[in-house]
C-alpha atoms as a PDB file:
ATOM      1  CA  MET A   1     102.079 101.095  63.458  1.00  0.00           C
ATOM      2  CA  ASP A   2     101.364  97.783  61.855  1.00  0.00           C
ATOM      3  CA  TYR A   3      99.388  97.796  58.668  1.00  0.00           C
ATOM      4  CA  PHE A   4      97.758  94.038  59.419  1.00  0.00           C
ATOM      5  CA  LYS A   5      96.532  92.355  61.869  1.00  0.00           C
ATOM      6  CA  ALA A   6      95.922  88.355  61.663  1.00  0.00           C
ATOM      7  CA  ASN A   7      92.205  86.561  61.712  1.00  0.00           C
ATOM      8  CA  LYS A   8      92.951  83.122  61.453  1.00  0.00           C
ATOM      9  CA  GLU A   9      94.361  82.015  58.446  1.00  0.00           C
ATOM     10  CA  LYS A  10      93.875  85.139  57.049  1.00  0.00           C
ATOM     11  CA  LEU A  11      95.053  88.849  57.362  1.00  0.00           C
ATOM     12  CA  VAL A  12      92.737  91.891  58.011  1.00  0.00           C
ATOM     13  CA  CYS A  13      94.478  94.955  55.935  1.00  0.00           C
ATOM     14  CA  LEU A  14      94.376  98.129  58.438  1.00  0.00           C
ATOM     15  CA  LEU A  15      94.932 100.753  55.939  1.00  0.00           C
ATOM     16  CA  CYS A  16      91.182 101.851  54.529  1.00  0.00           C
ATOM     17  CA  GLY A  17      87.663 101.610  56.026  1.00  0.00           C
ATOM     18  CA  HIS A  18      87.257  98.850  54.352  1.00  0.00           C
ATOM     19  CA  TYR A  19      89.301  96.166  56.290  1.00  0.00           C
ATOM     20  CA  CYS A  20      90.198  93.551  53.325  1.00  0.00           C
ATOM     21  CA  ASN A  21      90.185  90.121  55.013  1.00  0.00           C
ATOM     22  CA  LEU A  22      93.160  88.570  52.806  1.00  0.00           C
ATOM     23  CA  LYS A  23      93.756  85.327  52.127  1.00  0.00           C
ATOM     24  CA  GLU A  24      97.452  84.625  51.301  1.00  0.00           C
ATOM     25  CA  GLY A  25      98.030  85.394  47.911  1.00  0.00           C
ATOM     26  CA  GLN A  26      94.546  87.646  47.912  1.00  0.00           C
ATOM     27  CA  THR A  27      94.726  91.639  47.004  1.00  0.00           C
ATOM     28  CA  GLY A  28      92.662  94.405  48.546  1.00  0.00           C
ATOM     29  CA  LEU A  29      89.582  96.217  46.794  1.00  0.00           C
ATOM     30  CA  CYS A  30      92.422  98.675  45.921  1.00  0.00           C
ATOM     31  CA  GLY A  31      94.468  95.884  43.806  1.00  0.00           C
ATOM     32  CA  VAL A  32      97.570  97.330  45.410  1.00  0.00           C
ATOM     33  CA  ASN A  33      97.902  95.832  48.868  1.00  0.00           C
ATOM     34  CA  LYS A  34      98.449  91.945  48.822  1.00  0.00           C
ATOM     35  CA  ASN A  35      98.733  89.380  51.642  1.00  0.00           C
ATOM     36  CA  VAL A  36     101.966  87.527  50.448  1.00  0.00           C
ATOM     37  CA  GLY A  37     102.151  84.813  53.699  1.00  0.00           C
ATOM     38  CA  GLU A  38     103.140  86.753  56.917  1.00  0.00           C
ATOM     39  CA  GLN A  39     102.491  90.412  56.170  1.00  0.00           C
ATOM     40  CA  ILE A  40     100.482  92.397  53.449  1.00  0.00           C
ATOM     41  CA  GLU A  41     102.971  94.103  51.276  1.00  0.00           C
ATOM     42  CA  CYS A  42     102.146  97.240  49.659  1.00  0.00           C
ATOM     43  CA  LEU A  43     102.742  96.524  45.849  1.00  0.00           C
ATOM     44  CA  VAL A  44     103.329 100.160  45.099  1.00  0.00           C
ATOM     45  CA  TYR A  45     105.743 100.923  47.568  1.00  0.00           C
ATOM     46  CA  GLY A  46     108.137 103.309  45.577  1.00  0.00           C
ATOM     47  CA  TYR A  47     106.683 103.081  42.107  1.00  0.00           C
ATOM     48  CA  VAL A  48     105.174 106.313  41.201  1.00  0.00           C
ATOM     49  CA  SER A  49     102.736 106.994  38.396  1.00  0.00           C
ATOM     50  CA  ALA A  50     102.973 110.465  38.528  1.00  0.00           C
ATOM     51  CA  LEU A  51     105.042 112.910  39.933  1.00  0.00           C
ATOM     52  CA  ASN A  52     104.780 117.064  39.107  1.00  0.00           C
ATOM     53  CA  ILE A  53     105.633 120.135  40.991  1.00  0.00           C
ATOM     54  CA  ASP A  54     102.560 121.940  41.451  1.00  0.00           C
ATOM     55  CA  PRO A  55     101.478 125.314  43.751  1.00  0.00           C
ATOM     56  CA  ILE A  56      99.798 124.137  46.891  1.00  0.00           C
ATOM     57  CA  GLU A  57      96.697 126.091  45.798  1.00  0.00           C
ATOM     58  CA  LYS A  58      96.158 123.512  43.168  1.00  0.00           C
ATOM     59  CA  LYS A  59      95.708 120.455  45.788  1.00  0.00           C
ATOM     60  CA  PRO A  60      93.329 123.390  46.493  1.00  0.00           C
ATOM     61  CA  LEU A  61      94.964 124.447  49.763  1.00  0.00           C
ATOM     62  CA  TYR A  62      94.462 128.180  50.184  1.00  0.00           C
ATOM     63  CA  HIS A  63      94.993 128.325  53.743  1.00  0.00           C
ATOM     64  CA  PHE A  64      98.429 126.686  54.230  1.00  0.00           C
ATOM     65  CA  LEU A  65     101.692 127.905  52.979  1.00  0.00           C
ATOM     66  CA  PRO A  66     100.355 130.244  50.029  1.00  0.00           C
ATOM     67  CA  ARG A  67     102.666 130.659  47.300  1.00  0.00           C
ATOM     68  CA  SER A  68     104.810 127.620  47.966  1.00  0.00           C
ATOM     69  CA  LYS A  69     105.226 125.126  45.716  1.00  0.00           C
ATOM     70  CA  SER A  70     104.608 121.261  46.365  1.00  0.00           C
ATOM     71  CA  LEU A  71     106.102 118.064  45.046  1.00  0.00           C
ATOM     72  CA  SER A  72     103.324 115.997  44.378  1.00  0.00           C
ATOM     73  CA  LEU A  73     102.892 112.256  43.737  1.00  0.00           C
ATOM     74  CA  GLY A  74     100.578 109.164  43.558  1.00  0.00           C
ATOM     75  CA  THR A  75     100.777 105.706  42.481  1.00  0.00           C
ATOM     76  CA  VAL A  76      98.162 103.837  40.828  1.00  0.00           C
ATOM     77  CA  GLY A  77      95.341 102.086  42.829  1.00  0.00           C
ATOM     78  CA  CYS A  78      92.235 103.122  44.663  1.00  0.00           C
ATOM     79  CA  ASN A  79      89.708 101.820  47.364  1.00  0.00           C
ATOM     80  CA  PHE A  80      86.747 103.631  45.495  1.00  0.00           C
ATOM     81  CA  LYS A  81      85.200 103.085  42.475  1.00  0.00           C
ATOM     82  CA  CYS A  82      83.695 106.654  41.332  1.00  0.00           C
ATOM     83  CA  SER A  83      82.117 107.278  37.597  1.00  0.00           C
ATOM     84  CA  PHE A  84      83.114 110.670  37.803  1.00  0.00           C
ATOM     85  CA  CYS A  85      86.806 110.098  38.387  1.00  0.00           C
ATOM     86  CA  GLN A  86      89.013 112.640  37.121  1.00  0.00           C
ATOM     87  CA  ASN A  87      91.652 110.908  37.653  1.00  0.00           C
ATOM     88  CA  TRP A  88      90.728 107.342  36.445  1.00  0.00           C
ATOM     89  CA  GLY A  89      93.603 106.730  34.132  1.00  0.00           C
ATOM     90  CA  ILE A  90      95.938 105.737  37.279  1.00  0.00           C
ATOM     91  CA  SER A  91      93.174 105.426  40.105  1.00  0.00           C
ATOM     92  CA  GLN A  92      91.465 102.671  38.340  1.00  0.00           C
ATOM     93  CA  GLU A  93      94.657 101.049  37.041  1.00  0.00           C
ATOM     94  CA  LYS A  94      95.837  97.884  38.322  1.00  0.00           C
ATOM     95  CA  LYS A  95      98.903  97.149  36.693  1.00  0.00           C
ATOM     96  CA  ILE A  96     102.333  98.182  37.944  1.00  0.00           C
ATOM     97  CA  ASP A  97     105.037  99.524  35.968  1.00  0.00           C
ATOM     98  CA  THR A  98     108.026  98.802  38.144  1.00  0.00           C
ATOM     99  CA  SER A  99     110.841 100.216  35.606  1.00  0.00           C
ATOM    100  CA  ASN A 100     111.519 103.297  37.852  1.00  0.00           C
ATOM    101  CA  TYR A 101     111.845 103.034  41.743  1.00  0.00           C
ATOM    102  CA  PHE A 102     112.045 106.331  43.878  1.00  0.00           C
ATOM    103  CA  SER A 103     112.790 105.565  47.084  1.00  0.00           C
ATOM    104  CA  PRO A 104     111.017 107.956  50.235  1.00  0.00           C
ATOM    105  CA  LYS A 105     114.801 109.573  50.264  1.00  0.00           C
ATOM    106  CA  ASP A 106     115.257 109.993  46.418  1.00  0.00           C
ATOM    107  CA  ILE A 107     111.277 111.757  47.014  1.00  0.00           C
ATOM    108  CA  VAL A 108     112.806 114.180  49.326  1.00  0.00           C
ATOM    109  CA  GLU A 109     115.714 114.892  47.732  1.00  0.00           C
ATOM    110  CA  LEU A 110     113.758 115.899  44.551  1.00  0.00           C
ATOM    111  CA  ALA A 111     111.604 118.307  47.129  1.00  0.00           C
ATOM    112  CA  LEU A 112     114.386 119.964  48.242  1.00  0.00           C
ATOM    113  CA  ASN A 113     116.337 119.940  44.896  1.00  0.00           C
ATOM    114  CA  ASN A 114     112.922 122.311  43.618  1.00  0.00           C
ATOM    115  CA  HIS A 115     112.415 124.586  46.535  1.00  0.00           C
ATOM    116  CA  CYS A 116     109.411 122.608  47.850  1.00  0.00           C
ATOM    117  CA  LYS A 117     107.816 123.306  51.081  1.00  0.00           C
ATOM    118  CA  SER A 118     105.796 120.391  50.964  1.00  0.00           C
ATOM    119  CA  ILE A 119     105.552 117.276  49.473  1.00  0.00           C
ATOM    120  CA  SER A 120     101.532 116.062  48.391  1.00  0.00           C
ATOM    121  CA  TYR A 121     100.472 112.653  48.383  1.00  0.00           C
ATOM    122  CA  THR A 122      97.771 112.709  46.058  1.00  0.00           C
ATOM    123  CA  TYR A 123      96.313 111.893  42.372  1.00  0.00           C
ATOM    124  CA  ASN A 124      95.328 108.645  43.501  1.00  0.00           C
ATOM    125  CA  GLU A 125      93.744 108.072  47.164  1.00  0.00           C
ATOM    126  CA  PRO A 126      97.092 107.982  49.246  1.00  0.00           C
ATOM    127  CA  THR A 127      95.622 105.894  52.040  1.00  0.00           C
ATOM    128  CA  ILE A 128      96.284 103.004  50.223  1.00  0.00           C
ATOM    129  CA  PHE A 129     100.015 103.544  50.138  1.00  0.00           C
ATOM    130  CA  TYR A 130     100.257 104.948  53.260  1.00  0.00           C
ATOM    131  CA  PRO A 131     103.101 102.790  54.166  1.00  0.00           C
ATOM    132  CA  TYR A 132     104.994 104.450  51.744  1.00  0.00           C
ATOM    133  CA  ALA A 133     104.070 108.118  52.062  1.00  0.00           C
ATOM    134  CA  LYS A 134     104.546 107.839  55.806  1.00  0.00           C
ATOM    135  CA  ASP A 135     108.312 106.803  55.242  1.00  0.00           C
ATOM    136  CA  ILE A 136     108.702 109.665  52.940  1.00  0.00           C
ATOM    137  CA  ALA A 137     107.122 112.035  55.325  1.00  0.00           C
ATOM    138  CA  MET A 138     109.530 110.888  57.951  1.00  0.00           C
ATOM    139  CA  GLU A 139     112.543 111.797  55.678  1.00  0.00           C
ATOM    140  CA  ALA A 140     110.775 115.098  54.813  1.00  0.00           C
ATOM    141  CA  LYS A 141     110.047 115.952  58.871  1.00  0.00           C
ATOM    142  CA  LYS A 142     114.215 115.892  58.728  1.00  0.00           C
ATOM    143  CA  VAL A 143     114.854 118.434  56.889  1.00  0.00           C
ATOM    144  CA  GLY A 144     111.668 120.937  57.644  1.00  0.00           C
ATOM    145  CA  ILE A 145     109.200 119.696  54.776  1.00  0.00           C
ATOM    146  CA  LYS A 146     105.774 119.492  55.479  1.00  0.00           C
ATOM    147  CA  ASN A 147     103.474 116.830  54.116  1.00  0.00           C
ATOM    148  CA  VAL A 148     100.023 117.340  52.844  1.00  0.00           C
ATOM    149  CA  TYR A 149      97.501 114.517  52.018  1.00  0.00           C
ATOM    150  CA  VAL A 150      94.629 114.798  49.296  1.00  0.00           C
ATOM    151  CA  SER A 151      92.085 112.420  50.206  1.00  0.00           C
ATOM    152  CA  ASN A 152      88.630 110.843  49.973  1.00  0.00           C
ATOM    153  CA  GLY A 153      89.151 110.485  53.963  1.00  0.00           C
ATOM    154  CA  PHE A 154      88.332 106.748  53.731  1.00  0.00           C
ATOM    155  CA  GLU A 155      91.177 105.955  55.968  1.00  0.00           C
ATOM    156  CA  SER A 156      91.047 103.207  58.703  1.00  0.00           C
ATOM    157  CA  LYS A 157      90.780 104.637  62.403  1.00  0.00           C
ATOM    158  CA  GLU A 158      94.438 103.072  62.817  1.00  0.00           C
ATOM    159  CA  VAL A 159      95.397 105.143  60.285  1.00  0.00           C
ATOM    160  CA  ALA A 160      93.801 108.131  60.864  1.00  0.00           C
ATOM    161  CA  LEU A 161      94.992 107.983  64.372  1.00  0.00           C
ATOM    162  CA  ASP A 162      98.913 107.702  63.033  1.00  0.00           C
ATOM    163  CA  MET A 163      98.725 110.467  60.775  1.00  0.00           C
ATOM    164  CA  VAL A 164      99.051 113.120  63.521  1.00  0.00           C
ATOM    165  CA  GLY A 165     102.020 114.252  63.941  1.00  0.00           C
ATOM    166  CA  VAL A 166     102.976 113.277  60.498  1.00  0.00           C
ATOM    167  CA  ILE A 167     100.628 114.189  58.015  1.00  0.00           C
ATOM    168  CA  ASP A 168     100.756 118.604  58.639  1.00  0.00           C
ATOM    169  CA  ALA A 169      97.385 119.035  56.414  1.00  0.00           C
ATOM    170  CA  ILE A 170      94.641 117.373  54.557  1.00  0.00           C
ATOM    171  CA  ASN A 171      92.255 117.871  51.694  1.00  0.00           C
ATOM    172  CA  VAL A 172      89.156 116.032  52.088  1.00  0.00           C
ATOM    173  CA  ASP A 173      86.829 115.115  49.204  1.00  0.00           C
ATOM    174  CA  LEU A 174      83.586 115.132  50.751  1.00  0.00           C
ATOM    175  CA  LYS A 175      81.818 113.470  47.758  1.00  0.00           C
ATOM    176  CA  CYS A 176      78.449 113.884  48.640  1.00  0.00           C
ATOM    177  CA  PHE A 177      75.894 113.557  51.942  1.00  0.00           C
ATOM    178  CA  ASP A 178      74.175 110.381  50.996  1.00  0.00           C
ATOM    179  CA  GLU A 179      74.702 107.160  52.405  1.00  0.00           C
ATOM    180  CA  LYS A 180      73.076 105.165  49.434  1.00  0.00           C
ATOM    181  CA  TYR A 181      75.338 107.316  47.091  1.00  0.00           C
ATOM    182  CA  TYR A 182      78.568 107.045  49.041  1.00  0.00           C
ATOM    183  CA  LYS A 183      78.043 103.043  49.101  1.00  0.00           C
ATOM    184  CA  LYS A 184      77.718 102.904  44.991  1.00  0.00           C
ATOM    185  CA  LEU A 185      81.258 104.940  45.037  1.00  0.00           C
ATOM    186  CA  GLY A 186      82.748 102.330  46.822  1.00  0.00           C
ATOM    187  CA  GLY A 187      82.796 104.170  51.081  1.00  0.00           C
ATOM    188  CA  LYS A 188      80.929 104.823  53.635  1.00  0.00           C
ATOM    189  CA  LEU A 189      79.628 108.366  54.550  1.00  0.00           C
ATOM    190  CA  ASP A 190      79.809 107.710  58.581  1.00  0.00           C
ATOM    191  CA  ARG A 191      83.130 106.364  58.021  1.00  0.00           C
ATOM    192  CA  VAL A 192      84.233 109.598  56.090  1.00  0.00           C
ATOM    193  CA  LEU A 193      82.429 112.066  58.657  1.00  0.00           C
ATOM    194  CA  GLU A 194      84.084 110.439  61.354  1.00  0.00           C
ATOM    195  CA  ASN A 195      87.724 110.820  60.014  1.00  0.00           C
ATOM    196  CA  LEU A 196      86.508 114.493  59.362  1.00  0.00           C
ATOM    197  CA  ILE A 197      85.868 115.033  63.142  1.00  0.00           C
ATOM    198  CA  PHE A 198      88.926 113.455  64.221  1.00  0.00           C
ATOM    199  CA  PHE A 199      91.584 115.554  61.647  1.00  0.00           C
ATOM    200  CA  ALA A 200      89.452 118.735  62.757  1.00  0.00           C
ATOM    201  CA  LYS A 201      90.151 118.178  66.387  1.00  0.00           C
ATOM    202  CA  ASN A 202      94.052 116.831  66.117  1.00  0.00           C
ATOM    203  CA  ASP A 203      96.018 119.398  64.774  1.00  0.00           C
ATOM    204  CA  ILE A 204      96.105 118.462  60.835  1.00  0.00           C
ATOM    205  CA  TRP A 205      94.778 121.787  58.977  1.00  0.00           C
ATOM    206  CA  LEU A 206      91.589 120.467  57.046  1.00  0.00           C
ATOM    207  CA  GLU A 207      90.091 122.026  54.513  1.00  0.00           C
ATOM    208  CA  ILE A 208      86.963 120.429  52.494  1.00  0.00           C
ATOM    209  CA  THR A 209      86.568 119.893  48.723  1.00  0.00           C
ATOM    210  CA  THR A 210      83.035 118.771  46.948  1.00  0.00           C
ATOM    211  CA  LEU A 211      83.086 118.243  43.172  1.00  0.00           C
ATOM    212  CA  ILE A 212      79.174 119.260  42.169  1.00  0.00           C
ATOM    213  CA  VAL A 213      78.084 116.596  39.862  1.00  0.00           C
ATOM    214  CA  PRO A 214      75.106 117.226  38.005  1.00  0.00           C
ATOM    215  CA  THR A 215      72.256 115.026  39.103  1.00  0.00           C
ATOM    216  CA  LYS A 216      74.093 113.166  41.640  1.00  0.00           C
ATOM    217  CA  ASN A 217      74.847 115.917  44.397  1.00  0.00           C
ATOM    218  CA  ASP A 218      73.731 118.927  43.484  1.00  0.00           C
ATOM    219  CA  THR A 219      70.552 119.404  45.416  1.00  0.00           C
ATOM    220  CA  LYS A 220      69.478 122.484  47.814  1.00  0.00           C
ATOM    221  CA  GLU A 221      68.693 119.944  50.248  1.00  0.00           C
ATOM    222  CA  GLU A 222      71.821 117.659  50.272  1.00  0.00           C
ATOM    223  CA  LEU A 223      74.353 120.726  49.750  1.00  0.00           C
ATOM    224  CA  THR A 224      72.436 122.653  52.853  1.00  0.00           C
ATOM    225  CA  LYS A 225      72.955 119.298  54.772  1.00  0.00           C
ATOM    226  CA  LEU A 226      76.755 119.475  53.650  1.00  0.00           C
ATOM    227  CA  ALA A 227      77.418 122.647  54.686  1.00  0.00           C
ATOM    228  CA  THR A 228      75.764 122.502  57.736  1.00  0.00           C
ATOM    229  CA  PHE A 229      77.862 119.326  58.769  1.00  0.00           C
ATOM    230  CA  ILE A 230      81.319 121.193  58.259  1.00  0.00           C
ATOM    231  CA  LYS A 231      79.795 124.460  60.328  1.00  0.00           C
ATOM    232  CA  GLN A 232      78.538 122.538  63.162  1.00  0.00           C
ATOM    233  CA  GLU A 233      80.976 120.016  63.198  1.00  0.00           C
ATOM    234  CA  LEU A 234      84.468 120.874  61.790  1.00  0.00           C
ATOM    235  CA  GLY A 235      83.661 124.519  62.601  1.00  0.00           C
ATOM    236  CA  ALA A 236      82.922 127.542  60.679  1.00  0.00           C
ATOM    237  CA  ASN A 237      86.690 128.600  60.153  1.00  0.00           C
ATOM    238  CA  VAL A 238      87.168 124.884  57.822  1.00  0.00           C
ATOM    239  CA  PRO A 239      87.300 126.380  54.007  1.00  0.00           C
ATOM    240  CA  TRP A 240      84.653 124.785  51.672  1.00  0.00           C
ATOM    241  CA  HIS A 241      86.006 124.258  48.125  1.00  0.00           C
ATOM    242  CA  ILE A 242      83.176 124.114  45.344  1.00  0.00           C
ATOM    243  CA  SER A 243      84.410 122.678  42.470  1.00  0.00           C
ATOM    244  CA  ALA A 244      82.928 122.130  38.933  1.00  0.00           C
ATOM    245  CA  PHE A 245      82.358 118.523  37.226  1.00  0.00           C
ATOM    246  CA  HIS A 246      82.973 118.212  33.466  1.00  0.00           C
ATOM    247  CA  PRO A 247      82.306 114.995  31.661  1.00  0.00           C
ATOM    248  CA  ASP A 248      84.780 112.174  32.126  1.00  0.00           C
ATOM    249  CA  TYR A 249      85.305 108.613  32.682  1.00  0.00           C
ATOM    250  CA  LYS A 250      82.130 106.280  32.905  1.00  0.00           C
ATOM    251  CA  GLU A 251      79.768 109.782  33.158  1.00  0.00           C
ATOM    252  CA  GLN A 252      80.445 110.856  29.363  1.00  0.00           C
ATOM    253  CA  ASN A 253      76.948 111.956  29.120  1.00  0.00           C
ATOM    254  CA  LEU A 254      76.350 114.431  31.978  1.00  0.00           C
ATOM    255  CA  PRO A 255      76.681 118.060  31.439  1.00  0.00           C
ATOM    256  CA  ARG A 256      78.992 120.467  32.933  1.00  0.00           C
ATOM    257  CA  THR A 257      77.991 122.239  36.585  1.00  0.00           C
ATOM    258  CA  SER A 258      76.037 124.833  35.602  1.00  0.00           C
ATOM    259  CA  VAL A 259      77.421 128.340  37.255  1.00  0.00           C
ATOM    260  CA  LYS A 260      73.684 128.767  38.711  1.00  0.00           C
ATOM    261  CA  THR A 261      74.523 125.511  40.710  1.00  0.00           C
ATOM    262  CA  LEU A 262      77.851 127.035  41.678  1.00  0.00           C
ATOM    263  CA  LYS A 263      76.472 129.922  42.775  1.00  0.00           C
ATOM    264  CA  MET A 264      73.495 128.328  44.422  1.00  0.00           C
ATOM    265  CA  ALA A 265      76.386 126.574  46.591  1.00  0.00           C
ATOM    266  CA  TYR A 266      78.733 129.499  47.347  1.00  0.00           C
ATOM    267  CA  GLU A 267      74.907 130.863  49.231  1.00  0.00           C
ATOM    268  CA  ILE A 268      74.285 127.914  50.793  1.00  0.00           C
ATOM    269  CA  GLY A 269      78.214 128.031  52.624  1.00  0.00           C
ATOM    270  CA  GLU A 270      77.803 131.452  53.664  1.00  0.00           C
ATOM    271  CA  GLU A 271      74.329 131.179  54.556  1.00  0.00           C
ATOM    272  CA  VAL A 272      74.958 128.236  57.173  1.00  0.00           C
ATOM    273  CA  GLY A 273      77.827 130.476  58.352  1.00  0.00           C
ATOM    274  CA  LEU A 274      81.544 129.049  57.090  1.00  0.00           C
ATOM    275  CA  ASN A 275      84.033 131.911  56.777  1.00  0.00           C
ATOM    276  CA  TYR A 276      85.589 130.725  53.700  1.00  0.00           C
ATOM    277  CA  VAL A 277      83.957 129.584  50.888  1.00  0.00           C
ATOM    278  CA  TYR A 278      85.556 129.181  47.212  1.00  0.00           C
ATOM    279  CA  ILE A 279      84.508 128.116  44.126  1.00  0.00           C
ATOM    280  CA  GLY A 280      87.182 126.495  42.221  1.00  0.00           C
ATOM    281  CA  ASN A 281      88.092 125.464  38.588  1.00  0.00           C
ATOM    282  CA  VAL A 282      85.834 127.931  36.807  1.00  0.00           C
ATOM    283  CA  GLY A 283      87.943 131.231  36.537  1.00  0.00           C
ATOM    284  CA  PHE A 284      85.886 132.669  39.591  1.00  0.00           C
ATOM    285  CA  ASP A 285      88.107 134.947  42.189  1.00  0.00           C
ATOM    286  CA  ASN A 286      88.892 132.844  45.231  1.00  0.00           C
ATOM    287  CA  HIS A 287      90.601 135.976  46.982  1.00  0.00           C
ATOM    288  CA  THR A 288      90.455 135.433  50.621  1.00  0.00           C
ATOM    289  CA  LYS A 289      89.051 137.841  52.811  1.00  0.00           C
ATOM    290  CA  CYS A 290      89.210 139.266  56.565  1.00  0.00           C
ATOM    291  CA  LYS A 291      86.054 137.629  58.542  1.00  0.00           C
ATOM    292  CA  GLN A 292      85.873 140.400  60.565  1.00  0.00           C
ATOM    293  CA  CYS A 293      86.713 143.750  58.606  1.00  0.00           C
ATOM    294  CA  ALA A 294      86.202 142.049  55.148  1.00  0.00           C
ATOM    295  CA  GLU A 295      89.282 143.486  53.373  1.00  0.00           C
ATOM    296  CA  THR A 296      90.643 141.066  51.082  1.00  0.00           C
ATOM    297  CA  LEU A 297      93.801 139.476  52.240  1.00  0.00           C
ATOM    298  CA  ILE A 298      95.146 137.288  49.625  1.00  0.00           C
ATOM    299  CA  GLU A 299      94.471 137.335  46.095  1.00  0.00           C
ATOM    300  CA  ARG A 300      94.397 134.775  43.775  1.00  0.00           C
ATOM    301  CA  GLN A 301      93.812 133.680  39.873  1.00  0.00           C
ATOM    302  CA  TYR A 302      93.237 130.162  38.913  1.00  0.00           C
ATOM    303  CA  PHE A 303      95.947 128.401  40.982  1.00  0.00           C
ATOM    304  CA  ASN A 304      98.167 131.327  41.480  1.00  0.00           C
ATOM    305  CA  THR A 305      98.574 133.420  44.938  1.00  0.00           C
ATOM    306  CA  LEU A 306      99.089 137.026  43.025  1.00  0.00           C
ATOM    307  CA  ARG A 307      99.575 138.908  46.620  1.00  0.00           C
ATOM    308  CA  SER A 308      99.206 138.315  50.570  1.00  0.00           C
ATOM    309  CA  CYS A 309      99.226 140.838  53.045  1.00  0.00           C
ATOM    310  CA  ILE A 310      98.927 138.713  55.871  1.00  0.00           C
ATOM    311  CA  LYS A 311     101.008 139.538  58.977  1.00  0.00           C
ATOM    312  CA  LYS A 312     101.895 136.843  61.067  1.00  0.00           C
ATOM    313  CA  ALA A 313      99.053 135.025  60.312  1.00  0.00           C
ATOM    314  CA  ALA A 314      96.468 138.242  60.819  1.00  0.00           C
ATOM    315  CA  CYS A 315      94.820 140.507  59.379  1.00  0.00           C
ATOM    316  CA  PRO A 316      96.846 143.793  59.036  1.00  0.00           C
ATOM    317  CA  TYR A 317      93.793 146.145  59.132  1.00  0.00           C
ATOM    318  CA  CYS A 318      92.210 144.629  62.007  1.00  0.00           C
ATOM    319  CA  GLN A 319      94.737 141.842  63.771  1.00  0.00           C
ATOM    320  CA  GLU A 320      91.990 139.070  62.853  1.00  0.00           C
ATOM    321  CA  VAL A 321      93.547 135.911  63.140  1.00  0.00           C
ATOM    322  CA  LEU A 322      93.326 134.390  59.859  1.00  0.00           C
ATOM    323  CA  GLU A 323      92.973 130.180  60.198  1.00  0.00           C
ATOM    324  CA  GLY A 324      95.560 128.229  58.646  1.00  0.00           C
ATOM    325  CA  VAL A 325      99.516 127.259  58.027  1.00  0.00           C
ATOM    326  CA  TYR A 326     101.734 130.364  57.094  1.00  0.00           C
ATOM    327  CA  ASP A 327     105.237 130.819  57.470  1.00  0.00           C
ATOM    328  CA  ASP A 328     105.723 134.892  57.041  1.00  0.00           C
END
């Protein structure tokens, strides 16, 4: 795809839902895509700010290649401005370190050498470096490595469409269910919801994460609306990860998310009919149980899968299908 289109003397960036309309020399809200005259250049192409090997469960993805390793990478920059960002050191950074360049082939070679079954585009918002991510993904597909997005879900319609057949799985951070609060964070709720529905219908494995921030998105009413949207519009089998906030960045004075609130959200998910609800990052058990017979199919401790007894993506006890992507 083309990542920009002409608009008289300006160029419109097509990477995310902001559709920044840029004069020559101007950079978009993300800080890393610039109108350089005849095109918009992704300034972070090849310049990685974070590179690690993670368990896939850390994304978090619980129904996608359990027990596998994922080569995880990010750049600097973001199209949101979340006051509670827990990766703000790179997401809100505008200075690009160009001292080390990693070509798409370099990244895929690293994944191969470290026996990673996937490459995850994460840490900051990957839609702002989609030209780089896509080039890596196409190289990865040549050698059977899958591709994972960890995203705020604010992709442009054009990028969302282009991701089909390129990105295999995505975890979207559905931050809240309030349009005014989304605007404060730098996005639009409707755009995110439209993308979620699109991903769910177009063969990209989808899981949702919600970071519950005290006083911001933690009311029973809002969490019920959010969980109900997942059930009704995305499907009862889309996993919902409930994550606990800790004071960070510009929200140093807020308390940590209470266990009571986390349990409330979990109960809401179950009450509206979600089959897979997980409480993350507080040490709770996050086992996957069969939705039909309730037998434990996957046992986890923190980000590690300890045991999996699924056979051919199904429960060995009652043969009910376990939704997701597996290689057993």
